[in-house]
Amino acid sequence: MKKRSAFGLWQAIMIILIISGLMIVILQYSRIAAKHTGDSYIREQLELYLNSVVEMTLLEISLRDRSASGCLSAYTAPSVIKKGVSYSANVNVRKYYLLAGSTDAGLCGGLSVPIESEETHGMVLMEIEALASVNGATVSRILRRTLQRP
């Protein structure tokens, strides 16, 4: 009687277990890659929103009547909801760099830093905190300090 070489039941079970283990590992890496892609998208959208908030703040500073209400010290940007993600930002104006002796320097009080250079007159130092949240939980946060000219 000749012995035939074929897979036995135990060998077939072991091959099935090895293949299923490999599939589990592949699915885990796919899940991680999908989450990374989603988080990267939210982060990019938050950076675009933050750039818009900087522009909105500069516009608000330019439109403000300093003689009536002083210099802008804080600004809360309107929230935006896009694809289930809420984007919000708060801006704190830290300093206004104004020419020493100018009328604007007197209107800004403690926020004003006197300077001697006309080229940098009107520069403003801002600190912006932008948040992206899903269902009230913060997903991404960017804190940016920037020196701008309104």
Protein backbone atom coordinates (compact mmCIF):
# COMPACT_ATOMS: atom_id res chain seq x y z
CA MET A 1 0.00 0.00 0.00
CA LYS A 2 1.36 3.30 -1.11
CA LYS A 3 1.20 6.36 1.21
CA ARG A 4 -0.27 9.37 -0.51
CA SER A 5 1.04 12.80 0.37
CA ALA A 6 -1.77 15.20 1.05
CA PHE A 7 -2.77 17.75 3.62
CA GLY A 8 -4.08 16.37 6.83
CA LEU A 9 -6.89 17.95 8.82
CA TRP A 10 -4.45 19.56 11.31
CA GLN A 11 -2.36 21.04 8.54
CA ALA A 12 -5.44 22.56 6.89
CA ILE A 13 -6.54 24.08 10.22
CA MET A 14 -3.07 25.57 10.79
CA ILE A 15 -3.02 27.16 7.32
CA ILE A 16 -6.47 28.66 7.93
CA LEU A 17 -5.32 30.05 11.30
CA ILE A 18 -2.18 31.58 9.80
CA ILE A 19 -4.11 33.20 6.97
CA SER A 20 -6.76 34.57 9.36
CA GLY A 21 -4.01 36.00 11.61
CA LEU A 22 -2.47 37.77 8.64
CA MET A 23 -5.87 39.17 7.67
CA ILE A 24 -6.39 40.55 11.19
CA VAL A 25 -3.02 42.32 11.02
CA ILE A 26 -3.88 43.77 7.60
CA LEU A 27 -7.26 45.02 8.87
CA GLN A 28 -5.59 46.68 11.89
CA TYR A 29 -3.16 48.56 9.65
CA SER A 30 -6.01 49.57 7.35
CA ARG A 31 -7.95 50.97 10.32
CA ILE A 32 -4.91 52.93 11.50
CA ALA A 33 -4.31 54.32 8.00
CA ALA A 34 -7.97 55.37 7.64
CA LYS A 35 -7.92 57.16 11.02
CA HIS A 36 -4.67 58.93 10.09
CA THR A 37 -6.18 60.10 6.80
CA GLY A 38 -9.28 61.45 8.59
CA ASP A 39 -7.19 63.23 11.24
CA SER A 40 -4.93 64.73 8.57
CA TYR A 41 -7.97 66.07 6.70
CA ILE A 42 -9.34 67.71 9.86
CA ARG A 43 -5.93 69.22 10.65
CA GLU A 44 -5.63 70.70 7.13
CA GLN A 45 -9.13 72.16 7.34
CA LEU A 46 -8.29 73.63 10.76
CA GLU A 47 -5.17 75.31 9.35
CA LEU A 48 -7.22 76.84 6.53
CA TYR A 49 -9.79 78.05 9.05
CA LEU A 50 -7.01 79.53 11.21
CA ASN A 51 -5.66 81.49 8.24
CA SER A 52 -9.17 82.85 7.65
CA VAL A 53 -9.45 83.84 11.31
CA VAL A 54 -6.20 85.83 11.04
CA GLU A 55 -7.64 87.71 8.06
CA MET A 56 -10.98 88.30 9.83
CA THR A 57 -9.15 89.68 12.88
CA LEU A 58 -7.05 92.02 10.75
CA LEU A 59 -10.22 93.25 9.06
CA GLU A 60 -11.87 93.79 12.45
CA ILE A 61 -8.83 95.78 13.64
CA SER A 62 -8.90 97.91 10.48
CA LEU A 63 -12.63 98.63 10.77
CA ARG A 64 -12.53 99.48 14.47
CA ASP A 65 -12.93 103.13 15.52
CA ARG A 66 -10.14 103.41 18.08
CA SER A 67 -11.20 106.87 19.23
CA ALA A 68 -14.60 105.53 20.32
CA SER A 69 -13.79 102.10 21.74
CA GLY A 70 -10.00 101.77 21.96
CA CYS A 71 -7.94 99.03 20.41
CA LEU A 72 -9.19 95.51 19.87
CA SER A 73 -7.80 93.18 22.54
CA ALA A 74 -9.71 89.97 21.80
CA TYR A 75 -11.78 88.52 18.98
CA THR A 76 -13.90 85.39 18.81
CA ALA A 77 -14.29 84.13 15.27
CA PRO A 78 -17.62 82.71 14.14
CA SER A 79 -17.73 78.92 14.41
CA VAL A 80 -17.97 76.83 11.27
CA ILE A 81 -19.45 73.33 11.08
CA LYS A 82 -18.32 71.26 8.12
CA LYS A 83 -18.97 67.53 7.66
CA GLY A 84 -19.78 67.06 11.35
CA VAL A 85 -16.64 68.85 12.57
CA SER A 86 -16.95 72.15 14.43
CA TYR A 87 -14.15 74.68 13.93
CA SER A 88 -13.76 77.58 16.37
CA ALA A 89 -11.06 80.10 17.28
CA ASN A 90 -10.23 82.75 19.83
CA VAL A 91 -7.77 85.56 19.17
CA ASN A 92 -5.93 87.53 21.84
CA VAL A 93 -4.12 90.64 20.69
CA ARG A 94 -0.99 90.87 22.82
CA LYS A 95 0.66 94.06 21.54
CA TYR A 96 0.28 96.91 19.08
CA TYR A 97 3.58 98.31 17.81
CA LEU A 98 2.87 102.01 17.27
CA LEU A 99 5.03 105.07 16.74
CA ALA A 100 5.92 106.82 19.95
CA GLY A 101 3.81 109.94 20.29
CA SER A 102 1.22 108.95 17.66
CA THR A 103 -2.48 109.37 18.41
CA ASP A 104 -3.02 105.61 18.07
CA ALA A 105 -0.43 104.93 20.78
CA GLY A 106 -2.49 106.86 23.30
CA LEU A 107 -5.71 105.06 22.35
CA CYS A 108 -4.36 101.53 22.84
CA GLY A 109 -3.19 102.00 26.42
CA GLY A 110 -1.29 99.05 27.89
CA LEU A 111 -1.38 97.11 24.63
CA SER A 112 0.75 99.72 22.89
CA VAL A 113 4.51 99.30 22.55
CA PRO A 114 6.24 102.51 21.42
CA ILE A 115 8.59 102.11 18.46
CA GLU A 116 10.75 104.51 16.46
CA SER A 117 10.45 102.98 12.98
CA GLU A 118 7.70 104.17 10.66
CA GLU A 119 8.01 100.98 8.59
CA THR A 120 6.74 98.84 11.46
CA HIS A 121 4.09 101.29 12.72
CA GLY A 122 0.77 99.51 13.13
CA MET A 123 2.09 95.98 13.51
CA VAL A 124 0.07 93.75 15.81
CA LEU A 125 1.11 90.63 17.73
CA MET A 126 -1.71 88.09 17.94
CA GLU A 127 -2.12 84.73 19.63
CA ILE A 128 -4.71 82.50 17.99
CA GLU A 129 -6.07 79.25 19.39
CA ALA A 130 -8.05 77.23 16.86
CA LEU A 131 -9.96 74.08 17.80
CA ALA A 132 -11.59 71.32 15.77
CA SER A 133 -14.10 69.23 17.70
CA VAL A 134 -16.40 66.33 16.95
CA ASN A 135 -19.42 65.89 19.25
CA GLY A 136 -17.86 68.29 21.77
CA ALA A 137 -14.55 66.40 21.99
CA THR A 138 -11.48 68.27 20.76
CA VAL A 139 -9.85 66.41 17.89
CA SER A 140 -7.19 68.94 16.90
CA ARG A 141 -5.79 72.17 18.37
CA ILE A 142 -3.45 74.74 16.86
CA LEU A 143 -1.90 77.61 18.79
CA ARG A 144 -0.22 80.22 16.59
CA ARG A 145 1.48 83.49 17.42
CA THR A 146 1.84 85.83 14.50
CA LEU A 147 2.99 89.37 13.83
CA GLN A 148 0.84 91.07 11.20
CA ARG A 149 0.16 94.47 9.72
CA PRO A 150 -3.55 95.32 9.53
